[in-house]
PDB file of N, CA and C in Angstrom:
ATOM      1  N   GLY A   1     -23.712 -22.044  23.679  1.00  0.00           N
ATOM      2  CA  GLY A   1     -23.873 -22.175  25.098  1.00  0.00           C
ATOM      3  C   GLY A   1     -24.599 -20.974  25.649  1.00  0.00           C
ATOM      4  N   ILE A   2     -25.052 -21.088  26.876  1.00  0.00           N
ATOM      5  CA  ILE A   2     -25.732 -19.996  27.555  1.00  0.00           C
ATOM      6  C   ILE A   2     -24.975 -19.678  28.828  1.00  0.00           C
ATOM      7  N   LEU A   3     -24.703 -18.408  29.052  1.00  0.00           N
ATOM      8  CA  LEU A   3     -24.013 -17.948  30.246  1.00  0.00           C
ATOM      9  C   LEU A   3     -24.965 -17.066  31.020  1.00  0.00           C
ATOM     10  N   HIS A   4     -25.232 -17.415  32.251  1.00  0.00           N
ATOM     11  CA  HIS A   4     -26.153 -16.631  33.060  1.00  0.00           C
ATOM     12  C   HIS A   4     -25.362 -15.545  33.772  1.00  0.00           C
ATOM     13  N   ILE A   5     -25.549 -14.290  33.389  1.00  0.00           N
ATOM     14  CA  ILE A   5     -24.812 -13.165  33.948  1.00  0.00           C
ATOM     15  C   ILE A   5     -25.468 -12.685  35.239  1.00  0.00           C
ATOM     16  N   SER A   6     -26.734 -12.485  35.237  1.00  0.00           N
ATOM     17  CA  SER A   6     -27.471 -12.049  36.419  1.00  0.00           C
ATOM     18  C   SER A   6     -28.898 -12.568  36.290  1.00  0.00           C
ATOM     19  N   GLN A   7     -29.710 -12.313  37.287  1.00  0.00           N
ATOM     20  CA  GLN A   7     -31.092 -12.787  37.242  1.00  0.00           C
ATOM     21  C   GLN A   7     -31.863 -12.175  36.074  1.00  0.00           C
ATOM     22  N   ALA A   8     -31.481 -10.959  35.648  1.00  0.00           N
ATOM     23  CA  ALA A   8     -32.258 -10.257  34.626  1.00  0.00           C
ATOM     24  C   ALA A   8     -31.676 -10.362  33.228  1.00  0.00           C
ATOM     25  N   LEU A   9     -30.473 -10.906  33.080  1.00  0.00           N
ATOM     26  CA  LEU A   9     -29.795 -10.858  31.793  1.00  0.00           C
ATOM     27  C   LEU A   9     -29.314 -12.249  31.408  1.00  0.00           C
ATOM     28  N   LEU A  10     -29.770 -12.731  30.277  1.00  0.00           N
ATOM     29  CA  LEU A  10     -29.373 -14.032  29.774  1.00  0.00           C
ATOM     30  C   LEU A  10     -28.818 -13.835  28.372  1.00  0.00           C
ATOM     31  N   LEU A  11     -27.587 -14.276  28.131  1.00  0.00           N
ATOM     32  CA  LEU A  11     -26.919 -14.011  26.861  1.00  0.00           C
ATOM     33  C   LEU A  11     -26.515 -15.303  26.173  1.00  0.00           C
ATOM     34  N   ILE A  12     -26.505 -15.292  24.866  1.00  0.00           N
ATOM     35  CA  ILE A  12     -26.038 -16.424  24.085  1.00  0.00           C
ATOM     36  C   ILE A  12     -24.547 -16.231  23.820  1.00  0.00           C
ATOM     37  N   VAL A  13     -23.739 -17.151  24.311  1.00  0.00           N
ATOM     38  CA  VAL A  13     -22.292 -17.079  24.130  1.00  0.00           C
ATOM     39  C   VAL A  13     -21.951 -17.683  22.776  1.00  0.00           C
ATOM     40  N   THR A  14     -21.181 -16.944  21.952  1.00  0.00           N
ATOM     41  CA  THR A  14     -20.817 -17.440  20.632  1.00  0.00           C
ATOM     42  C   THR A  14     -19.423 -18.052  20.606  1.00  0.00           C
ATOM     43  N   HIS A  15     -18.509 -17.576  21.451  1.00  0.00           N
ATOM     44  CA  HIS A  15     -17.161 -18.133  21.544  1.00  0.00           C
ATOM     45  C   HIS A  15     -16.725 -18.114  23.001  1.00  0.00           C
ATOM     46  N   TYR A  16     -15.901 -19.091  23.371  1.00  0.00           N
ATOM     47  CA  TYR A  16     -15.467 -19.198  24.752  1.00  0.00           C
ATOM     48  C   TYR A  16     -14.114 -19.899  24.763  1.00  0.00           C
ATOM     49  N   VAL A  17     -13.156 -19.392  25.514  1.00  0.00           N
ATOM     50  CA  VAL A  17     -11.860 -20.055  25.616  1.00  0.00           C
ATOM     51  C   VAL A  17     -11.229 -19.723  26.960  1.00  0.00           C
ATOM     52  N   PHE A  18     -10.621 -20.734  27.604  1.00  0.00           N
ATOM     53  CA  PHE A  18      -9.807 -20.481  28.789  1.00  0.00           C
ATOM     54  C   PHE A  18      -8.448 -20.016  28.320  1.00  0.00           C
ATOM     55  N   VAL A  19      -7.938 -18.943  28.913  1.00  0.00           N
ATOM     56  CA  VAL A  19      -6.666 -18.377  28.488  1.00  0.00           C
ATOM     57  C   VAL A  19      -5.559 -18.712  29.467  1.00  0.00           C
ATOM     58  N   HIS A  20      -5.747 -18.346  30.713  1.00  0.00           N
ATOM     59  CA  HIS A  20      -4.681 -18.487  31.695  1.00  0.00           C
ATOM     60  C   HIS A  20      -5.311 -18.827  33.042  1.00  0.00           C
ATOM     61  N   HIS A  21      -4.987 -19.961  33.610  1.00  0.00           N
ATOM     62  CA  HIS A  21      -5.531 -20.409  34.896  1.00  0.00           C
ATOM     63  C   HIS A  21      -7.050 -20.281  34.901  1.00  0.00           C
ATOM     64  N   ASN A  22      -7.586 -19.355  35.679  1.00  0.00           N
ATOM     65  CA  ASN A  22      -9.035 -19.208  35.780  1.00  0.00           C
ATOM     66  C   ASN A  22      -9.579 -18.062  34.940  1.00  0.00           C
ATOM     67  N   VAL A  23      -8.789 -17.572  33.997  1.00  0.00           N
ATOM     68  CA  VAL A  23      -9.226 -16.476  33.134  1.00  0.00           C
ATOM     69  C   VAL A  23      -9.844 -17.063  31.871  1.00  0.00           C
ATOM     70  N   ALA A  24     -11.001 -16.555  31.512  1.00  0.00           N
ATOM     71  CA  ALA A  24     -11.692 -17.028  30.312  1.00  0.00           C
ATOM     72  C   ALA A  24     -12.139 -15.830  29.490  1.00  0.00           C
ATOM     73  N   VAL A  25     -12.268 -16.034  28.191  1.00  0.00           N
ATOM     74  CA  VAL A  25     -12.748 -14.993  27.280  1.00  0.00           C
ATOM     75  C   VAL A  25     -14.058 -15.478  26.675  1.00  0.00           C
ATOM     76  N   PHE A  26     -15.072 -14.623  26.705  1.00  0.00           N
ATOM     77  CA  PHE A  26     -16.373 -14.918  26.126  1.00  0.00           C
ATOM     78  C   PHE A  26     -16.680 -13.879  25.059  1.00  0.00           C
ATOM     79  N   THR A  27     -17.311 -14.270  23.979  1.00  0.00           N
ATOM     80  CA  THR A  27     -17.893 -13.300  23.054  1.00  0.00           C
ATOM     81  C   THR A  27     -19.363 -13.637  22.902  1.00  0.00           C
ATOM     82  N   TYR A  28     -20.138 -12.613  22.718  1.00  0.00           N
ATOM     83  CA  TYR A  28     -21.558 -12.811  22.464  1.00  0.00           C
ATOM     84  C   TYR A  28     -22.075 -11.605  21.709  1.00  0.00           C
ATOM     85  N   GLY A  29     -23.189 -11.775  21.069  1.00  0.00           N
ATOM     86  CA  GLY A  29     -23.799 -10.653  20.374  1.00  0.00           C
ATOM     87  C   GLY A  29     -24.093 -10.973  18.928  1.00  0.00           C
ATOM     88  N   THR A  30     -24.684 -10.010  18.269  1.00  0.00           N
ATOM     89  CA  THR A  30     -24.992 -10.150  16.852  1.00  0.00           C
ATOM     90  C   THR A  30     -24.026  -9.262  16.090  1.00  0.00           C
ATOM     91  N   TRP A  31     -24.473  -8.134  15.583  1.00  0.00           N
ATOM     92  CA  TRP A  31     -23.559  -7.242  14.871  1.00  0.00           C
ATOM     93  C   TRP A  31     -22.629  -6.518  15.833  1.00  0.00           C
ATOM     94  N   GLU A  32     -23.070  -6.299  17.044  1.00  0.00           N
ATOM     95  CA  GLU A  32     -22.240  -5.636  18.035  1.00  0.00           C
ATOM     96  C   GLU A  32     -21.617  -6.708  18.921  1.00  0.00           C
ATOM     97  N   THR A  33     -20.346  -6.953  18.748  1.00  0.00           N
ATOM     98  CA  THR A  33     -19.675  -8.004  19.505  1.00  0.00           C
ATOM     99  C   THR A  33     -19.158  -7.444  20.810  1.00  0.00           C
ATOM    100  N   ARG A  34     -19.428  -8.138  21.877  1.00  0.00           N
ATOM    101  CA  ARG A  34     -18.917  -7.757  23.189  1.00  0.00           C
ATOM    102  C   ARG A  34     -18.003  -8.871  23.668  1.00  0.00           C
ATOM    103  N   ILE A  35     -16.881  -8.490  24.200  1.00  0.00           N
ATOM    104  CA  ILE A  35     -15.910  -9.470  24.669  1.00  0.00           C
ATOM    105  C   ILE A  35     -15.674  -9.227  26.146  1.00  0.00           C
ATOM    106  N   HIS A  36     -15.751 -10.274  26.933  1.00  0.00           N
ATOM    107  CA  HIS A  36     -15.550 -10.161  28.372  1.00  0.00           C
ATOM    108  C   HIS A  36     -14.374 -11.025  28.796  1.00  0.00           C
ATOM    109  N   ILE A  37     -13.559 -10.486  29.672  1.00  0.00           N
ATOM    110  CA  ILE A  37     -12.539 -11.271  30.342  1.00  0.00           C
ATOM    111  C   ILE A  37     -13.134 -11.644  31.688  1.00  0.00           C
ATOM    112  N   SER A  38     -13.096 -12.904  32.025  1.00  0.00           N
ATOM    113  CA  SER A  38     -13.738 -13.378  33.238  1.00  0.00           C
ATOM    114  C   SER A  38     -12.717 -14.024  34.161  1.00  0.00           C
ATOM    115  N   TYR A  39     -12.815 -13.743  35.436  1.00  0.00           N
ATOM    116  CA  TYR A  39     -11.988 -14.395  36.450  1.00  0.00           C
ATOM    117  C   TYR A  39     -12.938 -15.013  37.454  1.00  0.00           C
ATOM    118  N   PHE A  40     -12.947 -16.319  37.547  1.00  0.00           N
ATOM    119  CA  PHE A  40     -13.902 -17.048  38.381  1.00  0.00           C
ATOM    120  C   PHE A  40     -15.337 -16.630  38.065  1.00  0.00           C
ATOM    121  N   PHE A  41     -15.609 -16.410  36.766  1.00  0.00           N
ATOM    122  CA  PHE A  41     -16.935 -16.067  36.262  1.00  0.00           C
ATOM    123  C   PHE A  41     -17.443 -14.714  36.757  1.00  0.00           C
ATOM    124  N   GLN A  42     -16.542 -13.858  37.233  1.00  0.00           N
ATOM    125  CA  GLN A  42     -16.859 -12.463  37.523  1.00  0.00           C
ATOM    126  C   GLN A  42     -16.225 -11.635  36.415  1.00  0.00           C
ATOM    127  N   PHE A  43     -17.007 -10.870  35.681  1.00  0.00           N
ATOM    128  CA  PHE A  43     -16.464 -10.112  34.560  1.00  0.00           C
ATOM    129  C   PHE A  43     -15.565  -8.992  35.064  1.00  0.00           C
ATOM    130  N   ILE A  44     -14.344  -8.954  34.542  1.00  0.00           N
ATOM    131  CA  ILE A  44     -13.394  -7.935  34.969  1.00  0.00           C
ATOM    132  C   ILE A  44     -13.045  -6.951  33.861  1.00  0.00           C
ATOM    133  N   LEU A  45     -13.379  -7.263  32.621  1.00  0.00           N
ATOM    134  CA  LEU A  45     -13.041  -6.375  31.513  1.00  0.00           C
ATOM    135  C   LEU A  45     -14.045  -6.577  30.388  1.00  0.00           C
ATOM    136  N   HIS A  46     -14.431  -5.493  29.767  1.00  0.00           N
ATOM    137  CA  HIS A  46     -15.406  -5.548  28.685  1.00  0.00           C
ATOM    138  C   HIS A  46     -14.936  -4.590  27.601  1.00  0.00           C
ATOM    139  N   PHE A  47     -14.842  -5.051  26.375  1.00  0.00           N
ATOM    140  CA  PHE A  47     -14.424  -4.162  25.295  1.00  0.00           C
ATOM    141  C   PHE A  47     -15.115  -4.542  24.001  1.00  0.00           C
ATOM    142  N   ARG A  48     -15.165  -3.585  23.080  1.00  0.00           N
ATOM    143  CA  ARG A  48     -15.818  -3.764  21.780  1.00  0.00           C
ATOM    144  C   ARG A  48     -14.872  -3.288  20.692  1.00  0.00           C
ATOM    145  N   ASP A  49     -13.849  -4.045  20.423  1.00  0.00           N
ATOM    146  CA  ASP A  49     -12.825  -3.624  19.471  1.00  0.00           C
ATOM    147  C   ASP A  49     -13.083  -4.078  18.039  1.00  0.00           C
ATOM    148  N   HIS A  50     -14.016  -4.985  17.830  1.00  0.00           N
ATOM    149  CA  HIS A  50     -14.326  -5.444  16.475  1.00  0.00           C
ATOM    150  C   HIS A  50     -15.623  -4.808  16.001  1.00  0.00           C
ATOM    151  N   SER A  51     -15.703  -4.570  14.702  1.00  0.00           N
ATOM    152  CA  SER A  51     -16.896  -3.936  14.145  1.00  0.00           C
ATOM    153  C   SER A  51     -17.831  -4.928  13.456  1.00  0.00           C
ATOM    154  N   ASN A  52     -17.491  -6.209  13.501  1.00  0.00           N
ATOM    155  CA  ASN A  52     -18.341  -7.227  12.904  1.00  0.00           C
ATOM    156  C   ASN A  52     -18.189  -8.513  13.708  1.00  0.00           C
ATOM    157  N   PHE A  53     -18.798  -9.596  13.246  1.00  0.00           N
ATOM    158  CA  PHE A  53     -18.811 -10.852  13.992  1.00  0.00           C
ATOM    159  C   PHE A  53     -17.412 -11.356  14.325  1.00  0.00           C
ATOM    160  N   VAL A  54     -17.216 -11.792  15.555  1.00  0.00           N
ATOM    161  CA  VAL A  54     -16.005 -12.526  15.923  1.00  0.00           C
ATOM    162  C   VAL A  54     -16.151 -13.930  15.358  1.00  0.00           C
ATOM    163  N   THR A  55     -15.112 -14.415  14.677  1.00  0.00           N
ATOM    164  CA  THR A  55     -15.179 -15.737  14.061  1.00  0.00           C
ATOM    165  C   THR A  55     -14.346 -16.776  14.795  1.00  0.00           C
ATOM    166  N   CYS A  56     -13.312 -16.347  15.536  1.00  0.00           N
ATOM    167  CA  CYS A  56     -12.461 -17.324  16.218  1.00  0.00           C
ATOM    168  C   CYS A  56     -11.661 -16.641  17.324  1.00  0.00           C
ATOM    169  N   ILE A  57     -11.446 -17.363  18.408  1.00  0.00           N
ATOM    170  CA  ILE A  57     -10.544 -16.949  19.482  1.00  0.00           C
ATOM    171  C   ILE A  57      -9.535 -18.066  19.649  1.00  0.00           C
ATOM    172  N   CYS A  58      -8.259 -17.721  19.783  1.00  0.00           N
ATOM    173  CA  CYS A  58      -7.243 -18.751  19.987  1.00  0.00           C
ATOM    174  C   CYS A  58      -6.245 -18.276  21.035  1.00  0.00           C
ATOM    175  N   CYS A  59      -5.961 -19.146  21.966  1.00  0.00           N
ATOM    176  CA  CYS A  59      -5.016 -18.860  23.038  1.00  0.00           C
ATOM    177  C   CYS A  59      -3.649 -19.418  22.659  1.00  0.00           C
ATOM    178  N   ALA A  60      -2.585 -18.661  22.935  1.00  0.00           N
ATOM    179  CA  ALA A  60      -1.229 -19.162  22.716  1.00  0.00           C
ATOM    180  C   ALA A  60      -0.985 -20.341  23.647  1.00  0.00           C
ATOM    181  N   SER A  61      -0.150 -21.277  23.232  1.00  0.00           N
ATOM    182  CA  SER A  61       0.053 -22.490  24.022  1.00  0.00           C
ATOM    183  C   SER A  61       0.656 -22.214  25.392  1.00  0.00           C
ATOM    184  N   ASP A  62       1.387 -21.111  25.546  1.00  0.00           N
ATOM    185  CA  ASP A  62       1.955 -20.785  26.854  1.00  0.00           C
ATOM    186  C   ASP A  62       1.006 -19.947  27.715  1.00  0.00           C
ATOM    187  N   GLY A  63      -0.159 -19.594  27.196  1.00  0.00           N
ATOM    188  CA  GLY A  63      -1.156 -18.843  27.951  1.00  0.00           C
ATOM    189  C   GLY A  63      -0.852 -17.368  28.120  1.00  0.00           C
ATOM    190  N   SER A  64       0.205 -16.883  27.495  1.00  0.00           N
ATOM    191  CA  SER A  64       0.610 -15.491  27.701  1.00  0.00           C
ATOM    192  C   SER A  64      -0.232 -14.495  26.918  1.00  0.00           C
ATOM    193  N   LYS A  65      -0.902 -14.958  25.878  1.00  0.00           N
ATOM    194  CA  LYS A  65      -1.691 -14.051  25.039  1.00  0.00           C
ATOM    195  C   LYS A  65      -2.762 -14.837  24.302  1.00  0.00           C
ATOM    196  N   PHE A  66      -3.709 -14.096  23.761  1.00  0.00           N
ATOM    197  CA  PHE A  66      -4.728 -14.706  22.917  1.00  0.00           C
ATOM    198  C   PHE A  66      -5.038 -13.742  21.789  1.00  0.00           C
ATOM    199  N   ILE A  67      -5.575 -14.278  20.706  1.00  0.00           N
ATOM    200  CA  ILE A  67      -5.932 -13.462  19.546  1.00  0.00           C
ATOM    201  C   ILE A  67      -7.399 -13.701  19.219  1.00  0.00           C
ATOM    202  N   ILE A  68      -8.065 -12.631  18.831  1.00  0.00           N
ATOM    203  CA  ILE A  68      -9.463 -12.700  18.422  1.00  0.00           C
ATOM    204  C   ILE A  68      -9.533 -12.184  16.991  1.00  0.00           C
ATOM    205  N   VAL A  69     -10.085 -12.995  16.074  1.00  0.00           N
ATOM    206  CA  VAL A  69     -10.230 -12.572  14.683  1.00  0.00           C
ATOM    207  C   VAL A  69     -11.710 -12.413  14.361  1.00  0.00           C
ATOM    208  N   SER A  70     -11.958 -11.621  13.324  1.00  0.00           N
ATOM    209  CA  SER A  70     -13.331 -11.236  13.039  1.00  0.00           C
ATOM    210  C   SER A  70     -13.567 -11.116  11.545  1.00  0.00           C
ATOM    211  N   SER A  71     -14.838 -11.064  11.189  1.00  0.00           N
ATOM    212  CA  SER A  71     -15.190 -10.831   9.795  1.00  0.00           C
ATOM    213  C   SER A  71     -14.989  -9.373   9.398  1.00  0.00           C
ATOM    214  N   ASP A  72     -14.480  -8.535  10.300  1.00  0.00           N
ATOM    215  CA  ASP A  72     -14.107  -7.167   9.934  1.00  0.00           C
ATOM    216  C   ASP A  72     -12.675  -7.086   9.405  1.00  0.00           C
ATOM    217  N   LYS A  73     -12.070  -8.247   9.115  1.00  0.00           N
ATOM    218  CA  LYS A  73     -10.730  -8.372   8.523  1.00  0.00           C
ATOM    219  C   LYS A  73      -9.606  -7.999   9.482  1.00  0.00           C
ATOM    220  N   LYS A  74      -9.857  -8.057  10.794  1.00  0.00           N
ATOM    221  CA  LYS A  74      -8.839  -7.717  11.779  1.00  0.00           C
ATOM    222  C   LYS A  74      -8.608  -8.869  12.737  1.00  0.00           C
ATOM    223  N   GLY A  75      -7.379  -8.955  13.224  1.00  0.00           N
ATOM    224  CA  GLY A  75      -7.025  -9.844  14.312  1.00  0.00           C
ATOM    225  C   GLY A  75      -6.383  -9.007  15.399  1.00  0.00           C
ATOM    226  N   LEU A  76      -6.888  -9.112  16.620  1.00  0.00           N
ATOM    227  CA  LEU A  76      -6.372  -8.321  17.727  1.00  0.00           C
ATOM    228  C   LEU A  76      -5.794  -9.253  18.780  1.00  0.00           C
ATOM    229  N   THR A  77      -4.587  -8.923  19.245  1.00  0.00           N
ATOM    230  CA  THR A  77      -3.882  -9.741  20.221  1.00  0.00           C
ATOM    231  C   THR A  77      -3.953  -9.064  21.584  1.00  0.00           C
ATOM    232  N   TYR A  78      -4.214  -9.868  22.620  1.00  0.00           N
ATOM    233  CA  TYR A  78      -4.371  -9.360  23.978  1.00  0.00           C
ATOM    234  C   TYR A  78      -3.475 -10.133  24.936  1.00  0.00           C
ATOM    235  N   ASP A  79      -3.087  -9.465  26.010  1.00  0.00           N
ATOM    236  CA  ASP A  79      -2.339 -10.106  27.086  1.00  0.00           C
ATOM    237  C   ASP A  79      -3.236 -11.144  27.756  1.00  0.00           C
ATOM    238  N   GLY A  80      -2.712 -12.329  28.008  1.00  0.00           N
ATOM    239  CA  GLY A  80      -3.515 -13.414  28.550  1.00  0.00           C
ATOM    240  C   GLY A  80      -3.853 -13.296  30.016  1.00  0.00           C
ATOM    241  N   LYS A  81      -3.148 -12.462  30.759  1.00  0.00           N
ATOM    242  CA  LYS A  81      -3.408 -12.348  32.192  1.00  0.00           C
ATOM    243  C   LYS A  81      -4.304 -11.171  32.543  1.00  0.00           C
ATOM    244  N   ILE A  82      -4.107 -10.033  31.858  1.00  0.00           N
ATOM    245  CA  ILE A  82      -4.870  -8.845  32.236  1.00  0.00           C
ATOM    246  C   ILE A  82      -5.761  -8.310  31.122  1.00  0.00           C
ATOM    247  N   GLY A  83      -5.614  -8.816  29.907  1.00  0.00           N
ATOM    248  CA  GLY A  83      -6.512  -8.453  28.821  1.00  0.00           C
ATOM    249  C   GLY A  83      -6.177  -7.192  28.059  1.00  0.00           C
ATOM    250  N   ASP A  84      -5.020  -6.585  28.299  1.00  0.00           N
ATOM    251  CA  ASP A  84      -4.638  -5.394  27.539  1.00  0.00           C
ATOM    252  C   ASP A  84      -4.341  -5.749  26.092  1.00  0.00           C
ATOM    253  N   LYS A  85      -4.741  -4.864  25.168  1.00  0.00           N
ATOM    254  CA  LYS A  85      -4.445  -5.085  23.755  1.00  0.00           C
ATOM    255  C   LYS A  85      -2.951  -4.869  23.533  1.00  0.00           C
ATOM    256  N   ILE A  86      -2.282  -5.841  22.888  1.00  0.00           N
ATOM    257  CA  ILE A  86      -0.833  -5.739  22.686  1.00  0.00           C
ATOM    258  C   ILE A  86      -0.441  -5.755  21.218  1.00  0.00           C
ATOM    259  N   GLY A  87      -1.376  -5.976  20.315  1.00  0.00           N
ATOM    260  CA  GLY A  87      -1.030  -5.977  18.901  1.00  0.00           C
ATOM    261  C   GLY A  87      -2.242  -6.170  18.022  1.00  0.00           C
ATOM    262  N   SER A  88      -2.014  -6.001  16.712  1.00  0.00           N
ATOM    263  CA  SER A  88      -3.106  -6.193  15.763  1.00  0.00           C
ATOM    264  C   SER A  88      -2.553  -6.588  14.404  1.00  0.00           C
ATOM    265  N   ILE A  89      -3.402  -7.260  13.631  1.00  0.00           N
ATOM    266  CA  ILE A  89      -3.108  -7.569  12.237  1.00  0.00           C
ATOM    267  C   ILE A  89      -4.331  -7.152  11.435  1.00  0.00           C
ATOM    268  N   SER A  90      -4.121  -6.835  10.183  1.00  0.00           N
ATOM    269  CA  SER A  90      -5.242  -6.439   9.343  1.00  0.00           C
ATOM    270  C   SER A  90      -5.029  -6.973   7.937  1.00  0.00           C
ATOM    271  N   THR A  91      -6.106  -7.400   7.312  1.00  0.00           N
ATOM    272  CA  THR A  91      -6.050  -7.839   5.919  1.00  0.00           C
ATOM    273  C   THR A  91      -6.726  -6.815   5.024  1.00  0.00           C
ATOM    274  N   GLU A  92      -6.968  -5.636   5.558  1.00  0.00           N
ATOM    275  CA  GLU A  92      -7.614  -4.565   4.794  1.00  0.00           C
ATOM    276  C   GLU A  92      -6.815  -4.283   3.529  1.00  0.00           C
ATOM    277  N   GLY A  93      -7.481  -4.201   2.403  1.00  0.00           N
ATOM    278  CA  GLY A  93      -6.809  -3.967   1.134  1.00  0.00           C
ATOM    279  C   GLY A  93      -6.367  -5.248   0.446  1.00  0.00           C
ATOM    280  N   GLY A  94      -6.423  -6.364   1.165  1.00  0.00           N
ATOM    281  CA  GLY A  94      -6.068  -7.651   0.579  1.00  0.00           C
ATOM    282  C   GLY A  94      -7.271  -8.284  -0.085  1.00  0.00           C
ATOM    283  N   GLN A  95      -7.118  -9.525  -0.489  1.00  0.00           N
ATOM    284  CA  GLN A  95      -8.197 -10.204  -1.192  1.00  0.00           C
ATOM    285  C   GLN A  95      -9.062 -11.049  -0.272  1.00  0.00           C
ATOM    286  N   ILE A  96      -8.833 -10.961   1.026  1.00  0.00           N
ATOM    287  CA  ILE A  96      -9.627 -11.712   1.994  1.00  0.00           C
ATOM    288  C   ILE A  96     -10.886 -10.924   2.335  1.00  0.00           C
ATOM    289  N   ARG A  97     -12.032 -11.593   2.379  1.00  0.00           N
ATOM    290  CA  ARG A  97     -13.274 -10.929   2.770  1.00  0.00           C
ATOM    291  C   ARG A  97     -13.466 -10.946   4.278  1.00  0.00           C
ATOM    292  N   SER A  98     -13.025 -11.998   4.923  1.00  0.00           N
ATOM    293  CA  SER A  98     -13.128 -12.160   6.371  1.00  0.00           C
ATOM    294  C   SER A  98     -11.961 -13.004   6.836  1.00  0.00           C
ATOM    295  N   ILE A  99     -11.701 -12.965   8.130  1.00  0.00           N
ATOM    296  CA  ILE A  99     -10.782 -13.928   8.729  1.00  0.00           C
ATOM    297  C   ILE A  99     -11.668 -14.931   9.457  1.00  0.00           C
ATOM    298  N   TYR A 100     -11.572 -16.190   9.077  1.00  0.00           N
ATOM    299  CA  TYR A 100     -12.472 -17.210   9.611  1.00  0.00           C
ATOM    300  C   TYR A 100     -11.892 -17.984  10.782  1.00  0.00           C
ATOM    301  N   ALA A 101     -10.580 -18.200  10.777  1.00  0.00           N
ATOM    302  CA  ALA A 101      -9.964 -19.002  11.830  1.00  0.00           C
ATOM    303  C   ALA A 101      -8.531 -18.546  12.031  1.00  0.00           C
ATOM    304  N   VAL A 102      -7.992 -18.859  13.192  1.00  0.00           N
ATOM    305  CA  VAL A 102      -6.627 -18.461  13.527  1.00  0.00           C
ATOM    306  C   VAL A 102      -6.018 -19.528  14.424  1.00  0.00           C
ATOM    307  N   SER A 103      -4.695 -19.669  14.347  1.00  0.00           N
ATOM    308  CA  SER A 103      -3.988 -20.614  15.202  1.00  0.00           C
ATOM    309  C   SER A 103      -2.591 -20.077  15.487  1.00  0.00           C
ATOM    310  N   TRP A 104      -2.072 -20.367  16.662  1.00  0.00           N
ATOM    311  CA  TRP A 104      -0.718 -19.967  17.058  1.00  0.00           C
ATOM    312  C   TRP A 104       0.285 -21.034  16.662  1.00  0.00           C
ATOM    313  N   SER A 105       1.525 -20.616  16.423  1.00  0.00           N
ATOM    314  CA  SER A 105       2.616 -21.574  16.245  1.00  0.00           C
ATOM    315  C   SER A 105       2.917 -22.202  17.608  1.00  0.00           C
ATOM    316  N   LEU A 106       3.636 -23.316  17.615  1.00  0.00           N
ATOM    317  CA  LEU A 106       3.928 -24.009  18.870  1.00  0.00           C
ATOM    318  C   LEU A 106       4.742 -23.161  19.837  1.00  0.00           C
ATOM    319  N   ASP A 107       5.590 -22.270  19.310  1.00  0.00           N
ATOM    320  CA  ASP A 107       6.399 -21.417  20.185  1.00  0.00           C
ATOM    321  C   ASP A 107       5.672 -20.129  20.588  1.00  0.00           C
ATOM    322  N   SER A 108       4.425 -19.970  20.196  1.00  0.00           N
ATOM    323  CA  SER A 108       3.571 -18.821  20.543  1.00  0.00           C
ATOM    324  C   SER A 108       4.092 -17.487  20.020  1.00  0.00           C
ATOM    325  N   LYS A 109       4.873 -17.516  18.942  1.00  0.00           N
ATOM    326  CA  LYS A 109       5.427 -16.282  18.381  1.00  0.00           C
ATOM    327  C   LYS A 109       4.720 -15.828  17.104  1.00  0.00           C
ATOM    328  N   HIS A 110       4.056 -16.739  16.410  1.00  0.00           N
ATOM    329  CA  HIS A 110       3.444 -16.418  15.125  1.00  0.00           C
ATOM    330  C   HIS A 110       2.014 -16.950  15.080  1.00  0.00           C
ATOM    331  N   VAL A 111       1.192 -16.305  14.228  1.00  0.00           N
ATOM    332  CA  VAL A 111      -0.160 -16.811  13.996  1.00  0.00           C
ATOM    333  C   VAL A 111      -0.349 -17.061  12.508  1.00  0.00           C
ATOM    334  N   ILE A 112      -1.227 -17.977  12.208  1.00  0.00           N
ATOM    335  CA  ILE A 112      -1.647 -18.210  10.831  1.00  0.00           C
ATOM    336  C   ILE A 112      -3.165 -18.073  10.825  1.00  0.00           C
ATOM    337  N   PHE A 113      -3.677 -17.421   9.805  1.00  0.00           N
ATOM    338  CA  PHE A 113      -5.121 -17.248   9.719  1.00  0.00           C
ATOM    339  C   PHE A 113      -5.580 -17.431   8.285  1.00  0.00           C
ATOM    340  N   TYR A 114      -6.859 -17.737   8.148  1.00  0.00           N
ATOM    341  CA  TYR A 114      -7.467 -17.864   6.820  1.00  0.00           C
ATOM    342  C   TYR A 114      -8.916 -17.470   6.884  1.00  0.00           C
TER     343      TYR A 114
END
């Protein structure tokens, strides 16, 4: 998809998910991943916590949090309302080369990734 940020800047969106009410998370970029938290399509938060491609974003079913996984072997969990980082998982040292996908359990307490 394409998200028009301003008259001078046009970006290719690679991942997009609604998290809570009118809050949405966008990722875009190549090797440098940028993640934006959007409220009514006005960017309110921008962070670069992954060092490689984002592969999946998944929102918990209750909307309280979301997780972003990447080919840098990390999964980072954020608060669904304000976007603060609240946790992380890592497969560093394991036999996984990347994390390709992630999903929450129905009770929003656990994640499974591969």
